[in-house]
Protein backbone atom coordinates (compact mmCIF):
# COMPACT_ATOMS: atom_id res chain seq x y z
CA MET A 1 0.00 0.00 0.00
CA LEU A 2 2.79 2.41 0.91
CA ARG A 3 4.70 1.60 -2.30
CA ARG A 4 1.56 2.15 -4.41
CA LEU A 5 0.92 5.49 -2.72
CA LEU A 6 4.56 6.52 -3.26
CA ASN A 7 4.45 5.54 -6.95
CA SER A 8 1.21 7.52 -7.36
CA SER A 9 2.80 10.57 -5.76
CA ILE A 10 5.89 10.42 -8.02
CA LEU A 11 3.70 10.01 -11.12
CA SER A 12 1.57 12.99 -10.10
CA ILE A 13 4.66 15.14 -9.55
CA LEU A 14 5.98 14.21 -13.02
CA VAL A 15 2.64 14.98 -14.70
CA GLY A 16 2.33 18.31 -12.89
CA PHE A 17 5.91 19.26 -13.76
CA SER A 18 5.28 18.40 -17.43
CA LEU A 19 2.21 20.66 -17.48
CA PHE A 20 4.22 23.41 -15.83
CA ILE A 21 6.93 23.17 -18.54
CA MET A 22 4.36 23.18 -21.37
CA ILE A 23 2.68 26.27 -19.93
CA LEU A 24 6.00 28.10 -19.72
CA ASN A 25 7.16 27.01 -23.19
CA PRO A 26 5.53 29.21 -25.88
CA ALA A 27 6.41 26.63 -28.56
CA SER A 28 4.40 23.91 -26.81
CA ASN A 29 1.58 22.19 -28.68
CA ILE A 30 -0.83 22.99 -25.83
CA ALA A 31 -2.10 26.59 -25.93
CA VAL A 32 -3.11 28.00 -22.55
CA ALA A 33 -4.71 31.47 -22.51
CA ILE A 34 -5.06 33.09 -19.11
CA ARG A 35 -6.67 36.53 -19.05
CA PRO A 36 -7.31 38.74 -16.03
CA PRO A 37 -11.00 39.37 -15.30
CA ILE A 38 -12.33 42.46 -17.05
CA GLY A 39 -15.87 42.68 -15.63
CA ASP A 40 -19.29 41.73 -16.96
CA ASN A 41 -19.90 45.05 -18.72
CA SER A 42 -16.50 45.47 -20.40
CA GLN A 43 -16.31 45.66 -24.16
CA ILE A 44 -13.41 44.89 -26.49
CA VAL A 45 -13.17 47.61 -29.14
CA TYR A 46 -11.49 46.68 -32.40
CA GLN A 47 -9.78 49.85 -33.59
CA ASN A 48 -9.40 48.59 -37.18
CA TYR A 49 -12.85 47.05 -37.49
CA GLU A 50 -14.45 48.33 -40.71
CA TYR A 51 -17.89 46.74 -40.90
CA ALA A 52 -20.72 48.37 -38.99
CA THR A 53 -24.51 48.27 -38.66
CA PHE A 54 -26.53 51.48 -39.10
CA ILE A 55 -30.32 51.82 -38.83
CA CYS A 56 -32.55 54.91 -38.90
CA TYR A 57 -36.31 54.83 -39.42
CA PRO A 58 -39.48 56.68 -38.26
CA SER A 59 -41.75 54.93 -35.76
CA ILE A 60 -44.86 55.54 -37.93
CA GLU A 61 -45.35 56.25 -41.63
CA LYS A 62 -47.85 59.12 -41.20
CA ILE A 63 -48.05 62.00 -38.75
CA THR A 64 -50.66 64.76 -38.38
CA ARG A 65 -49.44 68.35 -38.58
CA GLY A 66 -49.49 70.09 -35.23
CA VAL A 67 -50.59 66.94 -33.41
CA ASP A 68 -47.89 64.28 -33.62
CA ASP A 69 -44.22 64.37 -32.76
CA LEU A 70 -41.94 62.42 -35.09
CA ASN A 71 -39.99 59.64 -33.36
CA LEU A 72 -36.86 58.25 -35.01
CA THR A 73 -35.18 54.99 -34.00
CA MET A 74 -31.41 54.88 -34.61
CA LYS A 75 -28.47 52.58 -33.95
CA PHE A 76 -24.82 52.64 -35.07
CA THR A 77 -22.52 49.84 -33.88
CA TYR A 78 -19.96 47.37 -35.12
CA GLU A 79 -21.44 44.18 -36.53
CA ASN A 80 -20.48 42.39 -33.31
CA ASN A 81 -22.65 44.97 -31.44
CA THR A 82 -19.74 46.70 -29.69
CA LEU A 83 -19.50 50.45 -29.32
CA ILE A 84 -17.84 52.43 -32.13
CA PRO A 85 -15.48 55.09 -30.69
CA ASN A 86 -15.67 58.72 -31.87
CA SER A 87 -18.88 58.16 -33.85
CA ASN A 88 -21.88 60.35 -34.64
CA ILE A 89 -25.08 60.42 -36.69
CA TYR A 90 -26.09 63.48 -38.74
CA TYR A 91 -29.62 63.60 -40.14
CA ASN A 92 -31.95 66.17 -41.71
CA ILE A 93 -35.60 66.39 -42.79
CA THR A 94 -36.72 68.04 -46.04
CA ASN A 95 -40.29 68.98 -47.02
CA THR A 96 -42.22 68.53 -50.26
CA LEU A 97 -40.30 71.46 -51.83
CA ASP A 98 -36.96 69.83 -50.93
CA GLU A 99 -36.37 72.54 -48.29
CA LYS A 100 -34.48 71.55 -45.15
CA ILE A 101 -36.71 72.10 -42.09
CA PHE A 102 -34.73 70.23 -39.41
CA GLU A 103 -31.19 68.91 -38.85
CA GLU A 104 -29.23 67.51 -35.92
CA THR A 105 -25.94 65.76 -35.11
CA VAL A 106 -26.09 63.05 -32.43
CA TRP A 107 -22.99 61.67 -30.69
CA VAL A 108 -23.42 57.90 -30.37
CA ASN A 109 -22.59 56.61 -26.89
CA THR A 110 -24.72 53.49 -26.66
CA THR A 111 -24.78 49.98 -28.15
CA ALA A 112 -28.57 49.83 -27.94
CA GLU A 113 -31.22 51.31 -30.21
CA PHE A 114 -32.14 54.83 -29.11
CA ASN A 115 -34.89 57.28 -30.05
CA ARG A 116 -34.83 60.92 -31.10
CA THR A 117 -38.01 63.03 -30.98
CA ILE A 118 -38.65 65.88 -33.44
CA PRO A 119 -41.34 68.07 -31.82
CA TRP A 120 -44.65 68.76 -33.52
CA GLN A 121 -43.87 72.49 -33.84
CA THR A 122 -41.27 71.61 -36.52
CA PHE A 123 -44.06 70.83 -39.00
CA ASN A 124 -46.35 73.81 -38.36
CA GLY A 125 -47.03 75.77 -41.53
CA GLN A 126 -45.81 72.89 -43.71
CA ASP A 127 -47.85 71.40 -46.53
CA GLU A 128 -49.20 67.90 -46.83
CA GLY A 129 -47.13 65.33 -48.68
CA ASN A 130 -44.10 63.07 -48.51
CA TYR A 131 -41.08 64.17 -46.42
CA THR A 132 -37.54 62.81 -46.66
CA ILE A 133 -35.16 61.81 -43.85
CA ALA A 134 -31.49 61.63 -44.91
CA ALA A 135 -29.05 60.25 -42.31
CA VAL A 136 -25.34 59.53 -42.37
CA ALA A 137 -23.27 57.76 -39.69
CA ASN A 138 -19.54 58.53 -39.32
CA SER A 139 -16.65 57.42 -37.15
CA THR A 140 -12.85 57.43 -37.14
CA THR A 141 -12.72 53.65 -37.62
CA THR A 142 -15.38 53.02 -40.29
CA THR A 143 -16.50 54.38 -43.62
CA SER A 144 -19.65 56.52 -43.86
CA TYR A 145 -23.05 54.80 -43.87
CA ASN A 146 -26.03 56.53 -45.53
CA ILE A 147 -29.79 55.94 -45.15
CA THR A 148 -32.72 57.68 -46.86
CA THR A 149 -36.27 57.06 -45.60
CA TYR A 150 -39.67 58.77 -45.85
CA PHE A 151 -42.85 59.64 -43.98
CA THR A 152 -46.11 61.42 -44.87
CA LEU A 153 -47.48 64.62 -43.30
CA GLU A 154 -51.27 64.99 -43.10
CA VAL A 155 -53.40 68.06 -42.23
CA LEU A 156 -56.58 68.00 -40.14
CA PRO A 157 -59.68 68.93 -42.19
CA VAL A 158 -61.04 71.24 -39.41
CA GLY A 159 -59.48 73.94 -37.26
CA GLN A 160 -57.65 72.94 -34.11
CA VAL A 161 -55.55 75.02 -31.72
CA ARG A 162 -52.52 74.01 -29.72
CA MET A 163 -50.93 76.10 -26.98
CA PHE A 164 -47.27 75.72 -26.06
CA PHE A 165 -44.34 77.66 -24.63
CA PRO A 166 -41.44 78.36 -27.06
CA ILE A 167 -38.95 78.49 -24.18
CA ASN A 168 -39.47 75.30 -22.21
CA PRO A 169 -38.31 74.63 -19.56
CA ALA A 170 -38.46 78.17 -18.24
CA PHE A 171 -35.80 79.09 -15.68
CA LEU A 172 -37.35 81.75 -13.45
CA ILE A 173 -35.99 84.01 -10.72
CA ARG A 174 -37.70 83.86 -7.34
CA ASN A 175 -39.31 86.83 -5.61
CA GLN A 176 -39.82 88.75 -8.84
CA ASP A 177 -42.32 88.84 -11.72
CA ASN A 178 -41.21 86.62 -14.62
CA GLN A 179 -42.86 87.03 -18.01
CA VAL A 180 -43.12 83.83 -20.04
CA THR A 181 -44.17 83.83 -23.69
CA CYS A 182 -46.89 81.43 -24.78
CA ARG A 183 -48.00 80.70 -28.34
CA ILE A 184 -51.42 79.56 -29.53
CA GLU A 185 -51.34 78.08 -33.05
CA ASN A 186 -54.10 76.96 -35.38
CA VAL A 187 -52.73 73.63 -36.62
CA GLY A 188 -55.88 72.55 -38.48
CA GLY A 189 -57.40 73.31 -41.88
CA THR A 190 -60.00 76.02 -41.04
CA THR A 191 -60.30 79.23 -38.98
CA VAL A 192 -61.04 79.06 -35.24
CA ILE A 193 -62.86 81.74 -33.18
CA ASN A 194 -63.57 82.61 -29.51
CA VAL A 195 -60.19 81.25 -28.44
CA SER A 196 -59.70 81.83 -24.69
CA VAL A 197 -57.32 80.60 -22.00
CA THR A 198 -59.78 80.01 -19.19
CA ASN A 199 -57.91 78.63 -16.18
CA GLU A 200 -55.05 76.53 -14.93
CA ILE A 201 -56.18 72.90 -14.90
CA THR A 202 -53.14 70.92 -13.72
CA LYS A 203 -50.03 71.51 -11.62
CA THR A 204 -47.49 68.95 -10.47
CA GLY A 205 -44.03 69.10 -8.93
CA THR A 206 -42.33 70.17 -5.73
CA VAL A 207 -43.67 72.26 -2.88
CA GLY A 208 -43.72 76.03 -3.41
CA SER A 209 -46.21 78.69 -4.44
CA ILE A 210 -46.38 80.57 -7.76
CA THR A 211 -48.67 83.53 -8.38
CA ARG A 212 -49.90 83.70 -12.01
CA SER A 213 -51.35 86.52 -14.10
CA TYR A 214 -52.80 86.27 -17.63
CA SER A 215 -55.76 87.40 -19.73
CA ILE A 216 -56.29 85.80 -23.12
CA ASN A 217 -59.84 85.97 -24.50
CA ASN A 218 -61.90 85.89 -27.70
CA LEU A 219 -59.14 85.42 -30.28
CA GLU A 220 -59.72 84.56 -33.93
CA ILE A 221 -56.90 82.62 -35.58
CA ALA A 222 -56.86 81.65 -39.26
CA GLU A 223 -55.46 78.37 -40.60
CA GLY A 224 -51.70 78.19 -40.10
CA GLU A 225 -51.60 81.45 -38.06
CA PHE A 226 -50.64 81.91 -34.40
CA HIS A 227 -51.05 84.32 -31.49
CA GLU A 228 -48.32 85.10 -28.95
CA ASP A 229 -49.03 86.39 -25.45
CA ILE A 230 -47.48 86.73 -21.99
CA ILE A 231 -48.25 84.83 -18.79
CA GLY A 232 -46.71 86.18 -15.57
CA PHE A 233 -45.23 83.86 -12.92
CA PHE A 234 -44.12 85.05 -9.47
CA PRO A 235 -42.40 82.20 -7.49
CA ASP A 236 -41.50 82.70 -3.83
CA THR A 237 -38.98 79.84 -3.44
CA TYR A 238 -36.83 77.50 -5.51
CA LEU A 239 -38.94 74.73 -7.03
CA PHE A 240 -39.66 72.51 -10.02
CA GLN A 241 -43.25 72.40 -11.29
CA LYS A 242 -45.25 71.64 -14.43
CA HIS A 243 -48.26 73.82 -15.33
CA SER A 244 -50.94 73.27 -18.00
CA PHE A 245 -53.86 75.52 -19.00
CA THR A 246 -57.36 74.95 -20.43
CA ILE A 247 -58.18 76.49 -23.82
CA THR A 248 -61.67 76.81 -25.26
CA TYR A 249 -62.49 77.71 -28.89
CA ARG A 250 -65.01 77.23 -31.70
CA THR A 251 -64.36 75.80 -35.15
CA ILE A 252 -65.73 77.38 -38.35
CA GLY A 253 -67.64 74.70 -40.21
CA VAL A 254 -70.95 72.94 -40.43
CA PRO A 255 -71.90 72.66 -37.68
CA GLU A 256 -69.90 75.14 -35.59
CA THR A 257 -68.38 73.17 -32.69
CA GLN A 258 -67.27 74.18 -29.18
CA ARG A 259 -63.98 72.48 -28.25
CA VAL A 260 -61.87 72.25 -25.08
CA TYR A 261 -58.13 71.59 -25.21
CA LEU A 262 -55.33 71.20 -22.63
CA SER A 263 -52.13 73.12 -23.35
CA ASP A 264 -48.70 71.55 -23.56
CA PRO A 265 -47.21 71.67 -20.03
CA ILE A 266 -44.56 74.24 -19.21
CA GLU A 267 -41.75 73.13 -16.91
CA ILE A 268 -40.94 75.90 -14.44
CA ILE A 269 -37.57 75.64 -12.75
CA VAL A 270 -36.50 78.07 -10.05
CA MET A 271 -33.00 76.88 -9.24
CA PRO A 272 -31.51 77.26 -5.77
CA ASP A 273 -28.44 79.42 -5.38
CA ILE A 274 -25.94 76.63 -6.06
CA VAL A 275 -22.94 76.83 -8.41
CA VAL A 276 -20.60 74.23 -9.92
CA GLU A 277 -17.42 76.23 -9.47
CA SER A 278 -15.07 73.76 -11.18
CA PHE A 279 -14.62 70.09 -12.10
CA LEU A 280 -11.74 67.87 -13.23
CA LEU A 281 -12.00 64.77 -15.47
CA PRO A 282 -8.50 63.20 -15.72
CA THR A 283 -7.42 62.04 -19.18
CA ASN A 284 -5.62 58.87 -18.05
CA VAL A 285 -5.31 56.35 -15.24
CA THR A 286 -3.20 53.23 -14.67
CA MET A 287 -4.73 49.81 -14.04
CA GLY A 288 -4.73 49.11 -10.30
CA GLU A 289 -5.07 52.80 -9.43
CA LYS A 290 -8.20 54.85 -8.78
CA TYR A 291 -9.76 57.14 -11.39
CA ILE A 292 -10.91 60.21 -9.43
CA ILE A 293 -13.35 62.90 -10.58
CA THR A 294 -13.33 66.06 -8.45
CA THR A 295 -15.72 68.99 -8.50
CA GLU A 296 -16.23 72.07 -6.33
CA ILE A 297 -19.84 72.98 -5.60
CA ILE A 298 -20.88 76.11 -3.69
CA ASN A 299 -24.26 75.98 -1.93
CA ASN A 300 -25.47 79.46 -0.98
CA GLU A 301 -28.77 78.22 0.45
CA GLU A 302 -29.32 77.90 4.20
CA GLU A 303 -29.99 74.17 3.91
CA SER A 304 -28.40 71.04 2.51
CA LEU A 305 -29.19 69.96 -1.06
CA ILE A 306 -28.80 66.61 -2.85
CA ILE A 307 -26.68 66.23 -5.98
CA VAL A 308 -26.81 63.11 -8.20
CA PRO A 309 -23.82 62.40 -10.50
CA ASN A 310 -24.52 60.76 -13.86
CA ILE A 311 -21.49 58.81 -15.11
CA LEU A 312 -21.39 56.56 -18.17
CA CYS A 313 -18.22 54.51 -18.68
CA ASP A 314 -18.55 50.73 -18.67
CA GLN A 315 -14.78 50.24 -18.40
CA ILE A 316 -14.60 51.93 -14.96
CA ASN A 317 -16.50 50.61 -11.96
CA PHE A 318 -17.32 53.70 -9.89
CA ASP A 319 -17.91 53.65 -6.16
CA ASP A 320 -21.19 54.62 -4.54
CA ILE A 321 -22.41 57.58 -6.63
CA ASP A 322 -26.03 57.87 -5.51
CA GLY A 323 -27.31 61.10 -4.00
CA ILE A 324 -24.54 63.25 -2.47
CA ILE A 325 -25.56 65.66 0.30
CA ILE A 326 -24.13 69.17 -0.26
CA PRO A 327 -24.23 71.30 2.93
CA GLU A 328 -24.28 75.08 2.93
CA GLY A 329 -20.99 76.62 1.80
CA SER A 330 -18.16 75.35 -0.41
CA ASN A 331 -17.94 71.58 -0.98
CA ILE A 332 -15.22 69.52 -2.67
CA VAL A 333 -16.76 66.31 -4.02
CA SER A 334 -14.58 63.36 -5.09
CA ILE A 335 -15.92 60.33 -6.98
CA SER A 336 -13.55 57.41 -7.51
CA GLY A 337 -13.70 54.31 -9.67
CA SER A 338 -11.58 51.26 -10.49
CA PRO A 339 -10.57 50.61 -14.13
CA LEU A 340 -11.62 47.17 -15.40
CA VAL A 341 -9.58 46.86 -18.61
CA ASP A 342 -6.86 48.89 -20.31
CA GLY A 343 -7.46 50.79 -23.55
CA VAL A 344 -8.87 54.09 -24.80
CA TYR A 345 -12.52 54.71 -23.90
CA SER A 346 -15.07 57.53 -23.56
CA LEU A 347 -16.59 58.86 -20.33
CA ASN A 348 -19.69 61.03 -19.94
CA PHE A 349 -20.13 63.01 -16.72
CA GLY A 350 -22.98 65.23 -15.59
CA LEU A 351 -24.61 66.48 -12.39
CA GLU A 352 -28.30 66.71 -11.50
CA LEU A 353 -30.11 68.38 -8.63
CA GLU A 354 -32.60 66.15 -6.82
CA TRP A 355 -35.97 67.62 -5.83
CA THR A 356 -38.50 65.90 -3.56
CA THR A 357 -42.25 66.54 -3.39
CA VAL A 358 -44.51 66.21 -0.37
CA SER A 359 -45.38 62.68 -1.53
CA GLU A 360 -41.65 61.83 -1.73
CA THR A 361 -41.72 61.71 -5.54
CA LYS A 362 -38.28 62.68 -6.86
CA TRP A 363 -37.53 65.03 -9.73
CA TYR A 364 -34.17 65.89 -11.25
CA SER A 365 -32.86 69.04 -12.92
CA ILE A 366 -29.60 69.44 -14.79
CA LEU A 367 -26.94 71.21 -12.73
CA LEU A 368 -24.01 70.44 -15.05
CA LEU A 369 -24.52 69.46 -18.70
CA THR A 370 -22.95 66.16 -19.75
CA GLN A 371 -19.20 66.52 -20.25
CA TYR A 372 -17.46 64.17 -22.72
CA GLN A 373 -13.90 62.97 -22.03
CA ILE A 374 -11.59 60.45 -23.76
CA ILE A 375 -9.71 58.37 -21.16
CA ASP A 376 -6.55 56.30 -21.66
CA ILE A 377 -6.49 53.37 -19.21
CA ILE A 378 -2.82 52.38 -19.05
CA PRO A 379 -1.87 48.71 -18.46
CA LEU A 380 0.39 47.72 -15.56
CA GLU A 381 4.03 46.86 -16.20
CA ASN A 382 4.85 43.13 -16.31
CA PRO A 383 4.82 41.70 -12.76
CA PRO A 384 7.73 39.62 -11.38
CA LEU A 385 8.20 36.19 -13.01
CA ILE A 386 6.64 34.29 -10.10
CA LEU A 387 3.46 36.48 -10.34
CA GLN A 388 2.99 36.21 -14.10
CA PRO A 389 -0.19 34.25 -14.84
CA ARG A 390 1.37 31.35 -16.74
CA VAL A 391 4.10 30.83 -14.12
CA PHE A 392 1.72 31.22 -11.19
CA PHE A 393 -0.93 28.84 -12.54
CA GLY A 394 1.75 26.32 -13.57
CA ILE A 395 2.95 26.17 -9.97
CA VAL A 396 -0.64 25.90 -8.72
CA PHE A 397 -1.41 23.00 -11.09
CA SER A 398 1.76 21.17 -10.09
CA SER A 399 1.03 21.58 -6.40
CA LEU A 400 -2.53 20.40 -6.95
CA PHE A 401 -1.42 17.10 -8.53
CA VAL A 402 1.09 16.54 -5.75
CA GLY A 403 -1.52 17.20 -3.09
CA LEU A 404 -4.08 14.89 -4.63
CA ALA A 405 -1.61 11.98 -4.44
CA TYR A 406 -1.70 12.08 -0.63
CA PHE A 407 -5.44 11.67 -0.32
CA SER A 408 -6.76 8.13 -0.11
CA ARG A 409 -10.00 7.01 -1.72
CA ASP A 410 -11.74 6.81 1.68
CA ILE A 411 -10.80 10.39 2.57
CA ILE A 412 -12.07 11.74 -0.77
CA ILE A 413 -15.36 9.83 -0.37
CA GLY A 414 -15.73 11.17 3.17
CA ILE A 415 -15.18 14.76 2.04
CA ALA A 416 -17.67 14.36 -0.82
CA ARG A 417 -20.28 12.85 1.53
CA ARG A 418 -19.88 15.68 4.05
CA THR A 419 -20.09 18.26 1.24
CA ILE A 420 -23.32 16.79 -0.11
CA THR A 421 -24.79 16.51 3.38
CA THR A 422 -23.85 20.11 4.21
CA SER A 423 -25.03 21.57 0.91
CA SER A 424 -28.37 19.76 0.94
CA ARG A 425 -30.15 21.67 3.67
CA ILE A 426 -33.49 20.66 2.27
CA PHE A 427 -36.30 22.97 3.19
CA PRO A 428 -39.80 21.93 2.19
CA GLU A 429 -40.61 23.37 -1.22
CA ILE A 430 -43.83 25.37 -1.53
CA SER A 431 -46.17 25.23 -4.49
CA TYR A 432 -48.48 28.09 -5.40
CA PRO A 433 -51.73 27.99 -7.39
CA LEU A 434 -50.71 30.45 -10.17
CA GLU A 435 -47.97 30.17 -12.81
CA THR A 436 -47.05 33.88 -13.05
CA VAL A 437 -45.37 35.94 -10.31
CA ILE A 438 -44.67 39.68 -9.92
CA LEU A 439 -41.57 40.71 -7.93
CA ASP A 440 -41.72 43.95 -5.91
CA GLY A 441 -38.11 44.84 -6.79
CA SER A 442 -37.80 47.87 -4.50
CA ASN A 443 -39.19 46.00 -1.49
CA ILE A 444 -36.88 43.04 -2.14
CA ALA A 445 -33.79 45.22 -2.59
CA TRP A 446 -34.36 46.91 0.77
CA GLU A 447 -35.04 43.63 2.64
CA GLU A 448 -31.39 42.94 3.53
CA LYS A 449 -29.27 46.11 3.31
CA SER A 450 -25.62 46.35 2.36
CA ASN A 451 -22.83 47.33 4.76
CA SER A 452 -23.35 50.94 3.65
CA ASN A 453 -27.06 50.71 4.58
CA LYS A 454 -28.23 50.66 0.95
CA PRO A 455 -30.63 48.37 -0.91
CA GLN A 456 -28.84 45.42 -2.53
CA ILE A 457 -29.03 44.25 -6.15
CA ASN A 458 -27.94 40.82 -4.79
CA ASN A 459 -31.39 40.45 -3.19
CA ILE A 460 -33.19 40.90 -6.54
CA GLU A 461 -30.86 38.54 -8.43
CA ALA A 462 -31.13 35.91 -5.67
CA MET A 463 -34.94 36.17 -5.71
CA ILE A 464 -35.10 35.80 -9.53
CA ASN A 465 -32.81 32.74 -9.31
CA ARG A 466 -34.90 31.26 -6.49
CA LEU A 467 -38.20 31.68 -8.34
CA SER A 468 -36.73 30.25 -11.55
CA ARG A 469 -36.39 26.96 -9.63
CA ALA A 470 -40.01 27.08 -8.41
CA ASN A 471 -43.18 26.20 -10.30
CA PHE A 472 -43.57 29.61 -11.98
CA LYS A 473 -43.49 29.81 -15.77
CA LYS A 474 -43.37 33.65 -15.98
CA ILE A 475 -41.44 36.02 -13.69
CA ILE A 476 -41.98 39.81 -13.91
CA THR A 477 -39.76 42.12 -11.86
CA VAL A 478 -40.65 45.83 -11.46
CA ALA A 479 -39.10 48.59 -9.34
CA ASP A 480 -39.61 52.28 -8.59
CA ALA A 481 -37.52 54.75 -10.61
CA ALA A 482 -35.88 56.00 -7.40
CA LEU A 483 -34.23 52.61 -6.81
CA ARG A 484 -31.69 53.33 -9.56
CA TYR A 485 -30.26 56.17 -7.46
CA GLN A 486 -30.38 54.20 -4.18
CA ILE A 487 -29.09 50.73 -5.13
CA ASP A 488 -25.61 49.66 -4.03
CA GLU A 489 -24.48 48.62 -7.53
CA GLN A 490 -26.19 50.74 -10.18
CA LYS A 491 -24.47 49.10 -13.17
CA ARG A 492 -25.74 45.62 -12.26
CA LEU A 493 -29.28 47.00 -11.98
CA ASP A 494 -28.94 48.70 -15.39
CA ARG A 495 -27.74 45.40 -16.86
CA LEU A 496 -30.86 43.60 -15.58
CA VAL A 497 -33.00 46.30 -17.21
CA ARG A 498 -31.11 46.08 -20.52
CA GLU A 499 -31.42 42.29 -20.56
CA GLY A 500 -35.19 42.50 -19.98
CA ALA A 501 -35.08 40.76 -16.58
CA MET A 502 -36.42 43.86 -14.82
CA LYS A 503 -38.62 46.89 -15.60
CA MET A 504 -38.04 50.36 -14.10
CA LEU A 505 -41.24 52.35 -13.63
CA PRO A 506 -41.41 56.03 -14.67
CA ALA A 507 -40.68 58.58 -11.94
CA ARG A 508 -44.28 59.48 -11.09
CA VAL A 509 -45.85 56.03 -11.22
CA ASP A 510 -47.12 54.59 -7.93
CA GLY A 511 -45.22 51.29 -7.70
CA ASP A 512 -47.67 49.53 -5.34
CA LYS A 513 -50.69 50.46 -7.45
CA PHE A 514 -48.94 49.32 -10.63
CA ILE A 515 -47.91 45.96 -9.09
CA LEU A 516 -51.48 45.24 -7.98
CA ARG A 517 -52.88 46.23 -11.38
CA ILE A 518 -50.46 44.06 -13.37
CA ALA A 519 -50.99 41.16 -10.93
CA GLU A 520 -54.73 41.34 -11.57
CA GLU A 521 -54.27 41.59 -15.36
CA GLU A 522 -51.73 38.74 -15.51
CA ASN A 523 -53.51 36.59 -12.86
CA ALA A 524 -50.24 36.48 -10.91
CA MET A 525 -48.84 36.01 -7.42
CA ILE A 526 -46.89 38.88 -5.78
CA VAL A 527 -43.60 38.47 -3.92
CA SER A 528 -43.45 41.33 -1.41
CA ASN A 529 -43.32 41.96 2.32
CA ASP A 530 -45.42 45.09 1.76
CA MET A 531 -48.90 44.53 3.24
CA PHE A 532 -50.54 46.95 0.70
CA LYS A 533 -52.78 48.23 3.51
CA GLU A 534 -54.13 51.25 1.63
CA PHE A 535 -55.37 49.07 -1.26
CA ARG A 536 -57.12 46.29 0.66
CA GLU A 537 -60.66 47.63 0.28
CA SER A 538 -60.37 47.85 -3.52
CA THR A 539 -58.25 44.69 -3.88
CA PRO A 540 -59.62 41.97 -1.58
CA TRP A 541 -57.41 39.18 -3.03
CA ILE A 542 -54.09 40.53 -1.70
CA ASP A 543 -53.76 37.92 1.09
CA GLU A 544 -54.51 35.11 -1.37
CA ARG A 545 -51.68 36.07 -3.73
CA ARG A 546 -49.04 37.89 -1.65
CA ILE A 547 -46.02 35.64 -0.98
CA PRO A 548 -43.98 36.83 2.02
CA TYR A 549 -40.30 35.95 2.12
CA THR A 550 -37.11 36.09 4.19
CA ILE A 551 -33.58 36.84 2.98
CA LEU A 552 -30.91 35.60 5.38
CA ASP A 553 -27.22 35.99 4.48
CA GLY A 554 -28.16 36.13 0.79
CA GLU A 555 -30.35 32.98 0.96
CA VAL A 556 -34.01 33.39 -0.10
CA TYR A 557 -36.81 31.59 1.78
CA LEU A 558 -40.39 31.78 0.47
CA HIS A 559 -43.36 31.46 2.85
CA PRO A 560 -46.96 30.38 2.29
CA THR A 561 -49.66 32.96 1.64
CA SER A 562 -51.76 33.93 4.66
CA VAL A 563 -54.97 32.46 3.16
CA HIS A 564 -54.13 29.24 1.31
CA PRO A 565 -51.87 26.73 3.10
CA SER A 566 -48.93 25.59 0.97
CA VAL A 567 -48.19 22.06 -0.22
CA GLU A 568 -44.85 20.76 0.96
CA ILE A 569 -43.04 18.51 -1.52
CA GLY A 570 -39.71 17.88 0.17
CA SER A 571 -39.94 14.09 0.25
CA ARG A 572 -38.51 13.70 -3.26
CA GLU A 573 -35.41 15.71 -2.36
CA ASN A 574 -34.92 13.68 0.84
CA LYS A 575 -35.15 10.50 -1.22
CA LYS A 576 -32.46 11.77 -3.61
CA ARG A 577 -30.19 12.56 -0.70
CA LYS A 578 -30.56 9.03 0.71
CA GLU A 579 -29.81 7.54 -2.72
CA SER A 580 -26.62 9.65 -2.93
CA ASP A 581 -25.48 8.39 0.49
CA ASN A 582 -26.11 4.78 -0.58
CA THR A 583 -24.05 5.33 -3.76
CA PHE A 584 -21.01 6.45 -1.78
CA GLU A 585 -21.37 3.62 0.70
CA ASN A 586 -21.38 1.09 -2.16
């Protein structure tokens, strides 16, 4: 027995040493490629890649003048769907007389399809007919790609007015009268009369009062004409609000018709006295070091404000960059991130001011426009020989073969048995009556907080993985818009959204109400520890479908609903465990 063990050990040492030599020898017939991890979101950019994919098309073939915006879908990437550096899309729109009525250049900083909206005012005064969209995509690493597409403009047969604000959003000054220009246009095909702005019908946004003054009555506006007027706004504090007004008018035709219309909303922003004094975006960083963005912000208000940085650079993993509290006075803010892979990449940086309403709904206003910076991530110098990947892993492999020679068959079987026994903590499985389940993403993320007291993306991913092993055929995960600015790892959350595993609700949507509505429409269970107390009178089935849960050290445990007892089906798993034990014993 001793001789056999010794021979096995010597053979293992020889095999391990041979592998070690082959790994070190570049002329060996065995090719071993060892790469350092570069992160889930990293992208390899081929600087000499010539072939690209370019799309540009309108969302609909016909739009109505003065009524519809024109939405364009665009995408410009390499054929392998990676980002093209230093690329842009130029496009223009020409009317039936071949006159250019709109043009724009868009810098491309995404690998996904994205939309551009051309507002309805662009087509006012234009004639019916076919319009042309000509687009060209350019970059420093590809040739130019051209697309020509078309859409049709239609005109309403009767008169119709539309009220909007040419300067929108309007940045006002508090404690003084601000005059804001409004325009009322006849976008239809006949004259309108008795046009009046009667009253303010809607107002949303943050707390703060605004005094308004206006008088617009009994206008007559011919087809294609407009009327400009002034509405006065007197705000008494900094705020962010949206205001819309009711317009009444009559159409000329048979019969004459009284119509009521709601104006386009005007966004009113009264900024606090806060200034971005300076900022610094370094142009390079070395792998293993920190990339640090610094900015000086002066808050002249007598209270603290919240600033939210917006940073887009998949090749740098930034630290916690959710809301940053800026006290009164001068503040130096530093944001650091760790490079994931060397190379030349782009970074976009901007700052937003966070506003909160009485109902805790959050709004955001631009404090610093997006700044674009090219960054050179420099690779590390070659490490010492013993730390180079091929040398290091060769030694590890050799040691592993040597170590395995000293373990007898009984010891290996014992370790395997203990591992299976330990890892098979079988909890009774629970079956539920419905095949679809809705995940309350925000509630789940907050269930077990991170060390920095933030909601965890790990909770959501663990819950999705847990439910994928249950009896559900369809899993829908939704979360409030605010979670994106609260989560501990924002990039992982964004990846779930991009991959379609999770839906982010718009900023002003009530998450609880939406979850209950979609659960009723989809006939689904709900995973949430929220009791939904305020909705119980209108939704009596909550207790029948709500699945409570526990997250303990990253492990997810589902509980029965409070109405229907669950069916435990753990016997099959226990049987499998016994069969595994018998296999090892034999």
